[in-house]
Amino acid sequence: MNIASTLLLAFAMSTDAFAAAVGKGAALHRPRIREALRTGLIFGVIEAITPLVGWALGKAAAPYVASWDHWIAFSLLLVLGVRMITSGLRAPTTEVEKPNSHGFWLLALTGFATSIDAMAVGAGLAFIDVNILSTAATIGLATLIMVTLGVMVGRFLGKAVGQRAEIAGGVILVVIGSVILAEHLGYMS
């Protein structure tokens, strides 16, 4: 996977967290940079760890599926991308009560919930030639940045931008999956 693909993947993985951060920022009266960085750090660390876990699980299965690994990576990214797109297209059904503050465990739980897709992506990456440590670090850093920005501008942007970010992330995952498949089938050099 090249640098551009890694950066696009990192951006795509951070969009769920960005959408959540927009909501977190909208729930605060006046978000301060310290709270935004704290939230970004919690989300970023979790988002960096989950692809490593997925990658380890994928590596354990790799010897059994080596001849069709590119199809697995493509399928996982396609399913995750389509799920993100459809989730972003759905209108929110209920209004969530805004919390007065964001405790560590609430942020960690939200961060984990938005990083499940990164675990599945990590499993898919186990089947292709990729430096998982740098990829996971890039995903974590992108998430830290996106979440910090999301919290700071959340009260101005509202939920609509968060949903659009999720749609964009889903499209990026589908494109990355398609590029991986095309490379392995010999359509791209």
N, C-alpha and C. Protein backbone atom coordinates (compact mmCIF):
# COMPACT_ATOMS: atom_id res chain seq x y z
N MET A 1 0.85 -1.16 0.00
CA MET A 1 0.00 0.00 0.00
C MET A 1 0.90 1.23 0.00
N ASN A 2 0.61 2.18 -0.87
CA ASN A 2 1.45 3.38 -0.97
C ASN A 2 1.03 4.44 0.06
N ILE A 3 1.80 5.52 0.10
CA ILE A 3 1.56 6.57 1.09
C ILE A 3 0.19 7.22 0.90
N ALA A 4 -0.18 7.48 -0.34
CA ALA A 4 -1.47 8.11 -0.61
C ALA A 4 -2.62 7.22 -0.11
N SER A 5 -2.52 5.92 -0.38
CA SER A 5 -3.55 4.99 0.09
C SER A 5 -3.61 4.95 1.62
N THR A 6 -2.44 4.97 2.25
CA THR A 6 -2.39 4.96 3.71
C THR A 6 -3.04 6.21 4.28
N LEU A 7 -2.74 7.36 3.70
CA LEU A 7 -3.35 8.61 4.18
C LEU A 7 -4.85 8.62 3.96
N LEU A 8 -5.30 8.15 2.79
CA LEU A 8 -6.74 8.08 2.53
C LEU A 8 -7.43 7.12 3.49
N LEU A 9 -6.78 5.98 3.74
CA LEU A 9 -7.33 5.02 4.68
C LEU A 9 -7.44 5.64 6.07
N ALA A 10 -6.40 6.33 6.49
CA ALA A 10 -6.40 6.98 7.81
C ALA A 10 -7.53 8.00 7.90
N PHE A 11 -7.70 8.78 6.86
CA PHE A 11 -8.79 9.76 6.84
C PHE A 11 -10.14 9.05 6.91
N ALA A 12 -10.30 8.00 6.13
CA ALA A 12 -11.57 7.27 6.12
C ALA A 12 -11.88 6.67 7.49
N MET A 13 -10.86 6.12 8.15
CA MET A 13 -11.08 5.52 9.46
C MET A 13 -11.40 6.57 10.52
N SER A 14 -10.97 7.80 10.30
CA SER A 14 -11.21 8.84 11.30
C SER A 14 -12.56 9.54 11.14
N THR A 15 -13.28 9.26 10.06
CA THR A 15 -14.53 10.00 9.82
C THR A 15 -15.64 9.62 10.80
N ASP A 16 -15.72 8.35 11.19
CA ASP A 16 -16.70 7.96 12.22
C ASP A 16 -16.42 8.72 13.51
N ALA A 17 -15.15 8.76 13.89
CA ALA A 17 -14.77 9.46 15.11
C ALA A 17 -15.02 10.95 14.97
N PHE A 18 -14.76 11.52 13.79
CA PHE A 18 -15.03 12.93 13.55
C PHE A 18 -16.52 13.22 13.73
N ALA A 19 -17.36 12.36 13.17
CA ALA A 19 -18.80 12.55 13.30
C ALA A 19 -19.21 12.53 14.77
N ALA A 20 -18.65 11.60 15.54
CA ALA A 20 -18.95 11.54 16.97
C ALA A 20 -18.43 12.79 17.68
N ALA A 21 -17.24 13.27 17.28
CA ALA A 21 -16.65 14.44 17.92
C ALA A 21 -17.46 15.70 17.64
N VAL A 22 -18.04 15.79 16.46
CA VAL A 22 -18.90 16.93 16.15
C VAL A 22 -20.06 16.95 17.15
N GLY A 23 -20.63 15.78 17.41
CA GLY A 23 -21.70 15.69 18.40
C GLY A 23 -21.22 16.03 19.79
N LYS A 24 -20.02 15.57 20.15
CA LYS A 24 -19.47 15.88 21.47
C LYS A 24 -19.22 17.38 21.60
N GLY A 25 -18.68 17.99 20.54
CA GLY A 25 -18.44 19.43 20.57
C GLY A 25 -19.73 20.22 20.65
N ALA A 26 -20.76 19.74 19.94
CA ALA A 26 -22.05 20.42 19.97
C ALA A 26 -22.69 20.35 21.36
N ALA A 27 -22.32 19.33 22.13
CA ALA A 27 -22.91 19.15 23.46
C ALA A 27 -22.24 20.03 24.51
N LEU A 28 -21.09 20.57 24.20
CA LEU A 28 -20.37 21.42 25.16
C LEU A 28 -20.74 22.89 24.94
N HIS A 29 -20.79 23.62 26.04
CA HIS A 29 -21.13 25.04 25.94
C HIS A 29 -20.08 25.81 25.14
N ARG A 30 -18.85 25.73 25.55
CA ARG A 30 -17.74 26.36 24.84
C ARG A 30 -16.54 25.42 24.91
N PRO A 31 -16.40 24.57 23.90
CA PRO A 31 -15.29 23.62 23.94
C PRO A 31 -13.94 24.34 23.98
N ARG A 32 -13.09 23.90 24.87
CA ARG A 32 -11.74 24.44 24.98
C ARG A 32 -10.78 23.47 24.31
N ILE A 33 -9.64 23.98 23.88
CA ILE A 33 -8.66 23.17 23.17
C ILE A 33 -8.18 22.01 24.03
N ARG A 34 -8.08 22.22 25.33
CA ARG A 34 -7.62 21.13 26.22
C ARG A 34 -8.59 19.95 26.18
N GLU A 35 -9.89 20.22 26.25
CA GLU A 35 -10.90 19.16 26.17
C GLU A 35 -10.89 18.51 24.78
N ALA A 36 -10.71 19.31 23.74
CA ALA A 36 -10.67 18.77 22.38
C ALA A 36 -9.46 17.86 22.20
N LEU A 37 -8.29 18.27 22.69
CA LEU A 37 -7.09 17.44 22.58
C LEU A 37 -7.22 16.16 23.41
N ARG A 38 -7.79 16.27 24.59
CA ARG A 38 -8.00 15.09 25.43
C ARG A 38 -8.91 14.09 24.71
N THR A 39 -9.99 14.58 24.15
CA THR A 39 -10.91 13.71 23.41
C THR A 39 -10.21 13.11 22.19
N GLY A 40 -9.45 13.94 21.46
CA GLY A 40 -8.72 13.45 20.29
C GLY A 40 -7.70 12.39 20.65
N LEU A 41 -7.01 12.58 21.76
CA LEU A 41 -6.00 11.61 22.20
C LEU A 41 -6.65 10.27 22.56
N ILE A 42 -7.74 10.31 23.29
CA ILE A 42 -8.43 9.07 23.67
C ILE A 42 -8.90 8.33 22.42
N PHE A 43 -9.56 9.04 21.52
CA PHE A 43 -10.04 8.41 20.29
C PHE A 43 -8.88 7.91 19.43
N GLY A 44 -7.82 8.73 19.31
CA GLY A 44 -6.68 8.38 18.47
C GLY A 44 -5.96 7.13 18.93
N VAL A 45 -5.74 7.01 20.24
CA VAL A 45 -5.06 5.83 20.77
C VAL A 45 -5.90 4.57 20.51
N ILE A 46 -7.18 4.67 20.77
CA ILE A 46 -8.06 3.51 20.54
C ILE A 46 -8.09 3.16 19.06
N GLU A 47 -8.19 4.18 18.21
CA GLU A 47 -8.26 3.96 16.77
C GLU A 47 -6.94 3.40 16.22
N ALA A 48 -5.82 3.63 16.89
CA ALA A 48 -4.53 3.07 16.47
C ALA A 48 -4.38 1.62 16.93
N ILE A 49 -4.97 1.29 18.06
CA ILE A 49 -4.83 -0.07 18.61
C ILE A 49 -5.71 -1.07 17.86
N THR A 50 -6.92 -0.68 17.52
CA THR A 50 -7.86 -1.66 16.94
C THR A 50 -7.40 -2.25 15.60
N PRO A 51 -6.75 -1.50 14.68
CA PRO A 51 -6.28 -2.18 13.47
C PRO A 51 -5.15 -3.17 13.77
N LEU A 52 -4.37 -2.91 14.83
CA LEU A 52 -3.32 -3.86 15.21
C LEU A 52 -3.93 -5.19 15.67
N VAL A 53 -5.00 -5.09 16.44
CA VAL A 53 -5.70 -6.31 16.90
C VAL A 53 -6.28 -7.05 15.69
N GLY A 54 -6.95 -6.32 14.81
CA GLY A 54 -7.52 -6.94 13.61
C GLY A 54 -6.46 -7.55 12.73
N TRP A 55 -5.32 -6.86 12.58
CA TRP A 55 -4.22 -7.36 11.77
C TRP A 55 -3.68 -8.68 12.34
N ALA A 56 -3.51 -8.72 13.67
CA ALA A 56 -3.02 -9.96 14.31
C ALA A 56 -3.98 -11.11 14.06
N LEU A 57 -5.26 -10.85 14.17
CA LEU A 57 -6.25 -11.90 13.89
C LEU A 57 -6.21 -12.32 12.43
N GLY A 58 -6.05 -11.35 11.53
CA GLY A 58 -5.96 -11.64 10.10
C GLY A 58 -4.71 -12.43 9.76
N LYS A 59 -3.58 -12.09 10.38
CA LYS A 59 -2.32 -12.81 10.13
C LYS A 59 -2.44 -14.28 10.55
N ALA A 60 -3.16 -14.52 11.62
CA ALA A 60 -3.35 -15.90 12.07
C ALA A 60 -4.09 -16.72 11.02
N ALA A 61 -4.97 -16.06 10.28
CA ALA A 61 -5.76 -16.76 9.27
C ALA A 61 -5.09 -16.74 7.89
N ALA A 62 -4.07 -15.91 7.69
CA ALA A 62 -3.46 -15.69 6.37
C ALA A 62 -2.99 -16.96 5.66
N PRO A 63 -2.32 -17.90 6.32
CA PRO A 63 -1.84 -19.08 5.60
C PRO A 63 -2.97 -19.90 4.97
N TYR A 64 -4.16 -19.77 5.52
CA TYR A 64 -5.28 -20.56 5.04
C TYR A 64 -6.02 -19.92 3.86
N VAL A 65 -5.77 -18.64 3.63
CA VAL A 65 -6.52 -17.93 2.60
C VAL A 65 -5.62 -17.12 1.66
N ALA A 66 -4.34 -17.48 1.55
CA ALA A 66 -3.38 -16.69 0.79
C ALA A 66 -3.76 -16.51 -0.68
N SER A 67 -4.40 -17.48 -1.29
CA SER A 67 -4.70 -17.38 -2.72
C SER A 67 -5.84 -16.41 -3.04
N TRP A 68 -6.64 -16.05 -2.09
CA TRP A 68 -7.74 -15.11 -2.34
C TRP A 68 -7.78 -13.98 -1.33
N ASP A 69 -6.60 -13.64 -0.78
CA ASP A 69 -6.52 -12.59 0.23
C ASP A 69 -6.97 -11.22 -0.27
N HIS A 70 -6.67 -10.90 -1.54
CA HIS A 70 -7.06 -9.59 -2.07
C HIS A 70 -8.58 -9.46 -2.15
N TRP A 71 -9.27 -10.58 -2.36
CA TRP A 71 -10.73 -10.55 -2.38
C TRP A 71 -11.28 -10.29 -0.97
N ILE A 72 -10.59 -10.84 0.04
CA ILE A 72 -11.02 -10.60 1.43
C ILE A 72 -10.85 -9.12 1.78
N ALA A 73 -9.68 -8.56 1.46
CA ALA A 73 -9.44 -7.14 1.75
C ALA A 73 -10.47 -6.27 1.03
N PHE A 74 -10.70 -6.57 -0.26
CA PHE A 74 -11.69 -5.81 -1.03
C PHE A 74 -13.08 -5.94 -0.43
N SER A 75 -13.48 -7.15 -0.08
CA SER A 75 -14.82 -7.38 0.46
C SER A 75 -15.03 -6.66 1.79
N LEU A 76 -14.03 -6.76 2.69
CA LEU A 76 -14.15 -6.08 3.98
C LEU A 76 -14.27 -4.57 3.80
N LEU A 77 -13.41 -4.00 2.96
CA LEU A 77 -13.45 -2.56 2.75
C LEU A 77 -14.75 -2.14 2.05
N LEU A 78 -15.23 -2.96 1.13
CA LEU A 78 -16.48 -2.66 0.44
C LEU A 78 -17.65 -2.66 1.42
N VAL A 79 -17.74 -3.72 2.23
CA VAL A 79 -18.85 -3.82 3.19
C VAL A 79 -18.80 -2.67 4.19
N LEU A 80 -17.60 -2.39 4.72
CA LEU A 80 -17.47 -1.29 5.68
C LEU A 80 -17.79 0.05 5.04
N GLY A 81 -17.32 0.25 3.82
CA GLY A 81 -17.59 1.50 3.11
C GLY A 81 -19.07 1.70 2.85
N VAL A 82 -19.74 0.65 2.37
CA VAL A 82 -21.17 0.75 2.11
C VAL A 82 -21.94 0.98 3.41
N ARG A 83 -21.51 0.33 4.50
CA ARG A 83 -22.17 0.53 5.79
C ARG A 83 -22.03 1.98 6.25
N MET A 84 -20.83 2.55 6.08
CA MET A 84 -20.62 3.94 6.46
C MET A 84 -21.47 4.88 5.60
N ILE A 85 -21.55 4.59 4.30
CA ILE A 85 -22.34 5.43 3.40
C ILE A 85 -23.82 5.38 3.79
N THR A 86 -24.34 4.18 3.99
CA THR A 86 -25.77 4.07 4.34
C THR A 86 -26.05 4.68 5.70
N SER A 87 -25.13 4.53 6.63
CA SER A 87 -25.30 5.14 7.95
C SER A 87 -25.30 6.66 7.83
N GLY A 88 -24.45 7.20 6.99
CA GLY A 88 -24.40 8.64 6.79
C GLY A 88 -25.61 9.19 6.07
N LEU A 89 -26.24 8.35 5.24
CA LEU A 89 -27.43 8.79 4.51
C LEU A 89 -28.69 8.74 5.36
N ARG A 90 -28.69 7.91 6.39
CA ARG A 90 -29.87 7.81 7.27
C ARG A 90 -30.02 9.06 8.11
N ALA A 91 -31.22 9.52 8.21
CA ALA A 91 -31.50 10.66 9.09
C ALA A 91 -31.52 10.16 10.52
N PRO A 92 -31.02 10.94 11.45
CA PRO A 92 -31.08 10.53 12.85
C PRO A 92 -32.54 10.31 13.26
N THR A 93 -32.78 9.20 13.98
CA THR A 93 -34.16 8.88 14.34
C THR A 93 -34.57 9.48 15.66
N THR A 94 -33.65 9.64 16.57
CA THR A 94 -34.00 10.20 17.88
C THR A 94 -32.97 11.25 18.27
N GLU A 95 -33.40 12.14 19.06
CA GLU A 95 -32.51 13.17 19.59
C GLU A 95 -31.89 12.65 20.88
N VAL A 96 -30.57 12.64 20.95
CA VAL A 96 -29.87 12.14 22.13
C VAL A 96 -29.73 13.29 23.12
N GLU A 97 -29.97 12.99 24.39
CA GLU A 97 -29.82 14.01 25.44
C GLU A 97 -28.36 14.40 25.55
N LYS A 98 -28.10 15.70 25.60
CA LYS A 98 -26.74 16.19 25.65
C LYS A 98 -26.17 16.05 27.06
N PRO A 99 -24.97 15.48 27.17
CA PRO A 99 -24.35 15.36 28.50
C PRO A 99 -23.79 16.70 28.97
N ASN A 100 -23.68 16.83 30.28
CA ASN A 100 -23.10 18.05 30.85
C ASN A 100 -21.58 18.07 30.72
N SER A 101 -20.97 16.89 30.77
CA SER A 101 -19.52 16.79 30.61
C SER A 101 -19.20 15.45 29.96
N HIS A 102 -17.97 15.34 29.51
CA HIS A 102 -17.54 14.11 28.85
C HIS A 102 -16.51 13.42 29.73
N GLY A 103 -16.93 12.38 30.43
CA GLY A 103 -16.02 11.61 31.26
C GLY A 103 -15.14 10.70 30.43
N PHE A 104 -14.04 10.26 31.02
CA PHE A 104 -13.09 9.40 30.30
C PHE A 104 -13.76 8.14 29.76
N TRP A 105 -14.53 7.45 30.58
CA TRP A 105 -15.09 6.17 30.16
C TRP A 105 -16.14 6.34 29.05
N LEU A 106 -16.88 7.43 29.09
CA LEU A 106 -17.82 7.70 28.01
C LEU A 106 -17.07 7.96 26.71
N LEU A 107 -16.00 8.74 26.79
CA LEU A 107 -15.20 9.00 25.59
C LEU A 107 -14.53 7.73 25.08
N ALA A 108 -13.99 6.92 26.00
CA ALA A 108 -13.34 5.67 25.60
C ALA A 108 -14.34 4.72 24.94
N LEU A 109 -15.52 4.62 25.51
CA LEU A 109 -16.55 3.76 24.93
C LEU A 109 -16.97 4.26 23.56
N THR A 110 -17.14 5.56 23.42
CA THR A 110 -17.49 6.13 22.12
C THR A 110 -16.36 5.92 21.13
N GLY A 111 -15.13 6.12 21.59
CA GLY A 111 -13.97 5.89 20.73
C GLY A 111 -13.87 4.45 20.26
N PHE A 112 -14.15 3.51 21.17
CA PHE A 112 -14.11 2.10 20.78
C PHE A 112 -15.22 1.79 19.79
N ALA A 113 -16.41 2.33 20.03
CA ALA A 113 -17.54 2.06 19.13
C ALA A 113 -17.26 2.57 17.73
N THR A 114 -16.56 3.71 17.62
CA THR A 114 -16.27 4.24 16.29
C THR A 114 -15.04 3.58 15.66
N SER A 115 -14.34 2.72 16.40
CA SER A 115 -13.12 2.10 15.86
C SER A 115 -13.30 0.62 15.50
N ILE A 116 -14.49 0.08 15.65
CA ILE A 116 -14.71 -1.32 15.28
C ILE A 116 -14.37 -1.55 13.81
N ASP A 117 -14.73 -0.59 12.96
CA ASP A 117 -14.42 -0.74 11.54
C ASP A 117 -12.91 -0.75 11.30
N ALA A 118 -12.13 -0.06 12.12
CA ALA A 118 -10.68 -0.08 11.98
C ALA A 118 -10.12 -1.46 12.30
N MET A 119 -10.77 -2.18 13.21
CA MET A 119 -10.34 -3.54 13.51
C MET A 119 -10.56 -4.44 12.30
N ALA A 120 -11.71 -4.30 11.66
CA ALA A 120 -11.99 -5.09 10.46
C ALA A 120 -11.04 -4.72 9.32
N VAL A 121 -10.73 -3.44 9.19
CA VAL A 121 -9.77 -3.02 8.17
C VAL A 121 -8.40 -3.61 8.48
N GLY A 122 -8.01 -3.62 9.74
CA GLY A 122 -6.74 -4.23 10.13
C GLY A 122 -6.68 -5.69 9.75
N ALA A 123 -7.79 -6.40 9.92
CA ALA A 123 -7.85 -7.81 9.51
C ALA A 123 -7.65 -7.93 8.01
N GLY A 124 -8.27 -7.04 7.26
CA GLY A 124 -8.09 -7.04 5.80
C GLY A 124 -6.66 -6.71 5.39
N LEU A 125 -6.01 -5.81 6.11
CA LEU A 125 -4.64 -5.42 5.79
C LEU A 125 -3.64 -6.55 6.05
N ALA A 126 -4.02 -7.51 6.86
CA ALA A 126 -3.12 -8.64 7.14
C ALA A 126 -2.87 -9.47 5.89
N PHE A 127 -3.71 -9.33 4.90
CA PHE A 127 -3.61 -10.13 3.69
C PHE A 127 -2.84 -9.45 2.56
N ILE A 128 -2.38 -8.24 2.80
CA ILE A 128 -1.60 -7.53 1.78
C ILE A 128 -0.30 -7.05 2.42
N ASP A 129 0.63 -6.63 1.57
CA ASP A 129 1.94 -6.17 2.04
C ASP A 129 1.81 -4.74 2.56
N VAL A 130 1.77 -4.60 3.88
CA VAL A 130 1.60 -3.29 4.48
C VAL A 130 2.37 -3.26 5.81
N ASN A 131 2.95 -2.11 6.12
CA ASN A 131 3.59 -1.91 7.41
C ASN A 131 2.49 -1.52 8.39
N ILE A 132 2.02 -2.47 9.17
CA ILE A 132 0.86 -2.24 10.03
C ILE A 132 1.14 -1.22 11.12
N LEU A 133 2.37 -1.16 11.63
CA LEU A 133 2.67 -0.20 12.69
C LEU A 133 2.55 1.24 12.19
N SER A 134 3.14 1.52 11.02
CA SER A 134 3.03 2.89 10.51
C SER A 134 1.61 3.19 10.06
N THR A 135 0.92 2.20 9.52
CA THR A 135 -0.47 2.41 9.11
C THR A 135 -1.35 2.69 10.32
N ALA A 136 -1.20 1.91 11.39
CA ALA A 136 -1.98 2.12 12.61
C ALA A 136 -1.65 3.47 13.24
N ALA A 137 -0.37 3.84 13.24
CA ALA A 137 0.02 5.14 13.80
C ALA A 137 -0.58 6.27 12.97
N THR A 138 -0.61 6.12 11.66
CA THR A 138 -1.20 7.14 10.79
C THR A 138 -2.69 7.26 11.04
N ILE A 139 -3.37 6.12 11.21
CA ILE A 139 -4.80 6.13 11.52
C ILE A 139 -5.03 6.82 12.86
N GLY A 140 -4.22 6.50 13.86
CA GLY A 140 -4.36 7.12 15.18
C GLY A 140 -4.12 8.62 15.14
N LEU A 141 -3.10 9.06 14.40
CA LEU A 141 -2.80 10.48 14.29
C LEU A 141 -3.90 11.22 13.54
N ALA A 142 -4.38 10.64 12.45
CA ALA A 142 -5.47 11.26 11.70
C ALA A 142 -6.71 11.39 12.58
N THR A 143 -6.98 10.37 13.38
CA THR A 143 -8.13 10.41 14.28
C THR A 143 -7.95 11.48 15.35
N LEU A 144 -6.76 11.56 15.93
CA LEU A 144 -6.49 12.60 16.92
C LEU A 144 -6.78 13.98 16.33
N ILE A 145 -6.28 14.24 15.14
CA ILE A 145 -6.47 15.54 14.49
C ILE A 145 -7.94 15.78 14.17
N MET A 146 -8.59 14.79 13.55
CA MET A 146 -9.99 14.97 13.14
C MET A 146 -10.92 15.13 14.34
N VAL A 147 -10.68 14.37 15.39
CA VAL A 147 -11.53 14.47 16.57
C VAL A 147 -11.32 15.80 17.28
N THR A 148 -10.08 16.23 17.38
CA THR A 148 -9.80 17.52 18.01
C THR A 148 -10.52 18.64 17.24
N LEU A 149 -10.40 18.61 15.93
CA LEU A 149 -11.09 19.61 15.11
C LEU A 149 -12.61 19.47 15.24
N GLY A 150 -13.09 18.23 15.25
CA GLY A 150 -14.53 17.99 15.37
C GLY A 150 -15.12 18.55 16.64
N VAL A 151 -14.41 18.38 17.74
CA VAL A 151 -14.89 18.91 19.02
C VAL A 151 -14.91 20.43 18.98
N MET A 152 -13.85 21.03 18.45
CA MET A 152 -13.75 22.49 18.46
C MET A 152 -14.79 23.17 17.58
N VAL A 153 -15.14 22.55 16.48
CA VAL A 153 -16.11 23.20 15.58
C VAL A 153 -17.49 22.56 15.64
N GLY A 154 -17.65 21.57 16.50
CA GLY A 154 -18.90 20.82 16.58
C GLY A 154 -20.14 21.65 16.81
N ARG A 155 -20.05 22.61 17.67
CA ARG A 155 -21.26 23.40 17.95
C ARG A 155 -21.67 24.26 16.77
N PHE A 156 -20.74 24.54 15.86
CA PHE A 156 -21.07 25.34 14.68
C PHE A 156 -21.53 24.48 13.51
N LEU A 157 -21.02 23.26 13.44
CA LEU A 157 -21.32 22.42 12.27
C LEU A 157 -22.57 21.57 12.44
N GLY A 158 -22.79 21.08 13.65
CA GLY A 158 -23.96 20.24 13.88
C GLY A 158 -23.81 18.86 13.27
N LYS A 159 -24.89 18.10 13.28
CA LYS A 159 -24.86 16.71 12.85
C LYS A 159 -24.76 16.53 11.35
N ALA A 160 -25.23 17.48 10.55
CA ALA A 160 -25.25 17.31 9.10
C ALA A 160 -23.85 17.10 8.53
N VAL A 161 -22.87 17.87 8.97
CA VAL A 161 -21.51 17.71 8.47
C VAL A 161 -20.93 16.39 8.93
N GLY A 162 -21.23 15.99 10.15
CA GLY A 162 -20.73 14.71 10.65
C GLY A 162 -21.22 13.56 9.79
N GLN A 163 -22.48 13.61 9.38
CA GLN A 163 -23.02 12.55 8.53
C GLN A 163 -22.36 12.58 7.15
N ARG A 164 -22.12 13.76 6.61
CA ARG A 164 -21.46 13.86 5.31
C ARG A 164 -20.03 13.33 5.38
N ALA A 165 -19.36 13.57 6.50
CA ALA A 165 -18.00 13.05 6.67
C ALA A 165 -18.02 11.53 6.66
N GLU A 166 -19.03 10.93 7.27
CA GLU A 166 -19.13 9.48 7.28
C GLU A 166 -19.35 8.93 5.87
N ILE A 167 -20.15 9.62 5.07
CA ILE A 167 -20.39 9.22 3.67
C ILE A 167 -19.08 9.29 2.90
N ALA A 168 -18.34 10.39 3.06
CA ALA A 168 -17.05 10.54 2.36
C ALA A 168 -16.08 9.44 2.77
N GLY A 169 -16.03 9.12 4.05
CA GLY A 169 -15.17 8.04 4.52
C GLY A 169 -15.55 6.71 3.92
N GLY A 170 -16.84 6.44 3.80
CA GLY A 170 -17.30 5.20 3.18
C GLY A 170 -16.90 5.10 1.72
N VAL A 171 -17.03 6.20 0.99
CA VAL A 171 -16.63 6.22 -0.43
C VAL A 171 -15.13 5.96 -0.55
N ILE A 172 -14.35 6.56 0.34
CA ILE A 172 -12.89 6.36 0.30
C ILE A 172 -12.55 4.90 0.56
N LEU A 173 -13.22 4.25 1.51
CA LEU A 173 -12.95 2.83 1.77
C LEU A 173 -13.25 1.97 0.54
N VAL A 174 -14.36 2.24 -0.13
CA VAL A 174 -14.72 1.48 -1.33
C VAL A 174 -13.66 1.68 -2.41
N VAL A 175 -13.19 2.91 -2.58
CA VAL A 175 -12.15 3.19 -3.59
C VAL A 175 -10.85 2.47 -3.23
N ILE A 176 -10.44 2.52 -1.97
CA ILE A 176 -9.20 1.83 -1.57
C ILE A 176 -9.33 0.33 -1.80
N GLY A 177 -10.46 -0.26 -1.44
CA GLY A 177 -10.68 -1.68 -1.69
C GLY A 177 -10.61 -2.02 -3.16
N SER A 178 -11.17 -1.16 -3.99
CA SER A 178 -11.13 -1.38 -5.44
C SER A 178 -9.71 -1.30 -5.98
N VAL A 179 -8.91 -0.35 -5.46
CA VAL A 179 -7.52 -0.22 -5.89
C VAL A 179 -6.72 -1.45 -5.48
N ILE A 180 -6.93 -1.94 -4.27
CA ILE A 180 -6.23 -3.15 -3.80
C ILE A 180 -6.56 -4.32 -4.73
N LEU A 181 -7.83 -4.50 -5.04
CA LEU A 181 -8.24 -5.60 -5.92
C LEU A 181 -7.63 -5.43 -7.30
N ALA A 182 -7.69 -4.22 -7.84
CA ALA A 182 -7.13 -3.97 -9.18
C ALA A 182 -5.63 -4.23 -9.23
N GLU A 183 -4.92 -3.83 -8.16
CA GLU A 183 -3.46 -4.08 -8.10
C GLU A 183 -3.16 -5.56 -8.10
N HIS A 184 -3.90 -6.33 -7.30
CA HIS A 184 -3.64 -7.76 -7.19
C HIS A 184 -4.08 -8.53 -8.44
N LEU A 185 -5.03 -8.01 -9.17
CA LEU A 185 -5.47 -8.66 -10.40
C LEU A 185 -4.63 -8.23 -11.60
N GLY A 186 -3.70 -7.29 -11.37
CA GLY A 186 -2.78 -6.88 -12.42
C GLY A 186 -3.26 -5.73 -13.28
N TYR A 187 -4.33 -5.05 -12.89
CA TYR A 187 -4.84 -3.93 -13.68
C TYR A 187 -4.06 -2.64 -13.43
N MET A 188 -3.36 -2.58 -12.31
CA MET A 188 -2.58 -1.39 -11.98
C MET A 188 -1.16 -1.82 -11.66
N SER A 189 -0.20 -0.99 -12.02
CA SER A 189 1.19 -1.34 -11.74
C SER A 189 1.72 -0.57 -10.59
